[in-house]
Amino acid sequence: MALGSSRSNQQVIPQAYQALNQFKYEVAAELGINPEYKTGYWGNITSRECGAVGGHMVRRMIAAAEQELLRQQGMLKPQL
């Protein structure tokens, strides 16, 4: 890495790494992505497929955050 450059993919909460990794695999399975990723190597997966996994992860995380905000404001009752 060049002097003065910074990594943009640093984890905000390192303890969440394992949960996010599991989430990634769940989303990939739901999307029917080529099962080669199950070995842990994503090099044979197309950029389009990887992007789809990331996009769906972001959508679901945003939806979860929005639900949590509504719950905190008393506008959404907790699910049982």
Protein backbone atom coordinates (compact mmCIF):
# COMPACT_ATOMS: atom_id res chain seq x y z
CA MET A 1 0.00 0.00 0.00
CA ALA A 2 1.33 3.42 -0.87
CA LEU A 3 2.52 5.79 1.79
CA GLY A 4 -0.30 7.98 3.02
CA SER A 5 -3.07 5.84 1.59
CA SER A 6 -5.75 4.39 3.80
CA ARG A 7 -7.84 1.27 3.66
CA SER A 8 -11.47 1.99 2.97
CA ASN A 9 -12.68 -1.45 3.98
CA GLN A 10 -11.75 -1.39 7.64
CA GLN A 11 -14.31 -2.99 9.88
CA VAL A 12 -16.24 -0.63 12.11
CA ILE A 13 -17.12 -3.42 14.53
CA PRO A 14 -14.56 -6.23 14.18
CA GLN A 15 -16.63 -8.55 16.38
CA ALA A 16 -19.34 -8.59 13.68
CA TYR A 17 -17.04 -10.16 11.08
CA GLN A 18 -18.22 -13.72 11.61
CA ALA A 19 -21.91 -12.78 11.62
CA LEU A 20 -21.54 -10.73 8.43
CA ASN A 21 -19.63 -13.54 6.76
CA GLN A 22 -22.41 -15.99 7.64
CA PHE A 23 -24.97 -13.47 6.38
CA LYS A 24 -23.07 -13.24 3.08
CA TYR A 25 -23.25 -17.01 2.62
CA GLU A 26 -26.97 -17.06 3.46
CA VAL A 27 -27.72 -14.35 0.90
CA ALA A 28 -25.62 -16.11 -1.74
CA ALA A 29 -27.54 -19.34 -1.15
CA GLU A 30 -30.89 -17.52 -1.33
CA LEU A 31 -29.89 -15.96 -4.65
CA GLY A 32 -28.83 -19.31 -6.07
CA ILE A 33 -25.26 -18.16 -6.67
CA ASN A 34 -22.82 -20.77 -7.99
CA PRO A 35 -22.11 -22.97 -4.93
CA GLU A 36 -18.33 -22.83 -5.47
CA TYR A 37 -18.22 -20.02 -2.89
CA LYS A 38 -18.93 -22.57 -0.15
CA THR A 39 -15.26 -23.55 -0.20
CA GLY A 40 -14.44 -20.02 0.95
CA TYR A 41 -12.94 -19.03 -2.39
CA TRP A 42 -14.96 -16.42 -4.26
CA GLY A 43 -12.54 -16.04 -7.18
CA ASN A 44 -14.68 -18.05 -9.58
CA ILE A 45 -17.81 -16.04 -8.84
CA THR A 46 -18.61 -13.27 -11.31
CA SER A 47 -18.50 -9.63 -10.33
CA ARG A 48 -22.18 -9.39 -11.12
CA GLU A 49 -22.99 -12.22 -8.69
CA CYS A 50 -20.78 -10.76 -5.96
CA GLY A 51 -22.42 -7.39 -6.47
CA ALA A 52 -25.85 -8.96 -6.18
CA VAL A 53 -24.89 -10.56 -2.88
CA GLY A 54 -23.56 -7.27 -1.52
CA GLY A 55 -26.56 -5.34 -2.78
CA HIS A 56 -29.03 -7.69 -1.15
CA MET A 57 -27.04 -7.62 2.08
CA VAL A 58 -27.21 -3.82 2.14
CA ARG A 59 -30.95 -3.78 1.40
CA ARG A 60 -31.66 -6.20 4.23
CA MET A 61 -29.42 -4.34 6.68
CA ILE A 62 -31.11 -1.03 5.84
CA ALA A 63 -34.55 -2.61 6.31
CA ALA A 64 -33.46 -4.00 9.69
CA ALA A 65 -32.10 -0.61 10.77
CA GLU A 66 -35.31 1.14 9.68
CA GLN A 67 -37.41 -1.36 11.63
CA GLU A 68 -35.24 -0.84 14.70
CA LEU A 69 -35.65 2.94 14.44
CA LEU A 70 -39.42 2.57 14.19
CA ARG A 71 -39.42 0.19 17.14
CA GLN A 72 -37.38 2.64 19.22
CA GLN A 73 -39.83 5.41 18.40
CA GLY A 74 -42.75 3.22 19.44
CA MET A 75 -44.17 3.11 15.93
CA LEU A 76 -43.54 -0.59 15.49
CA LYS A 77 -44.25 -3.29 18.01
CA PRO A 78 -41.55 -5.92 18.55
CA GLN A 79 -42.15 -9.20 16.77
CA LEU A 80 -42.78 -12.22 18.95
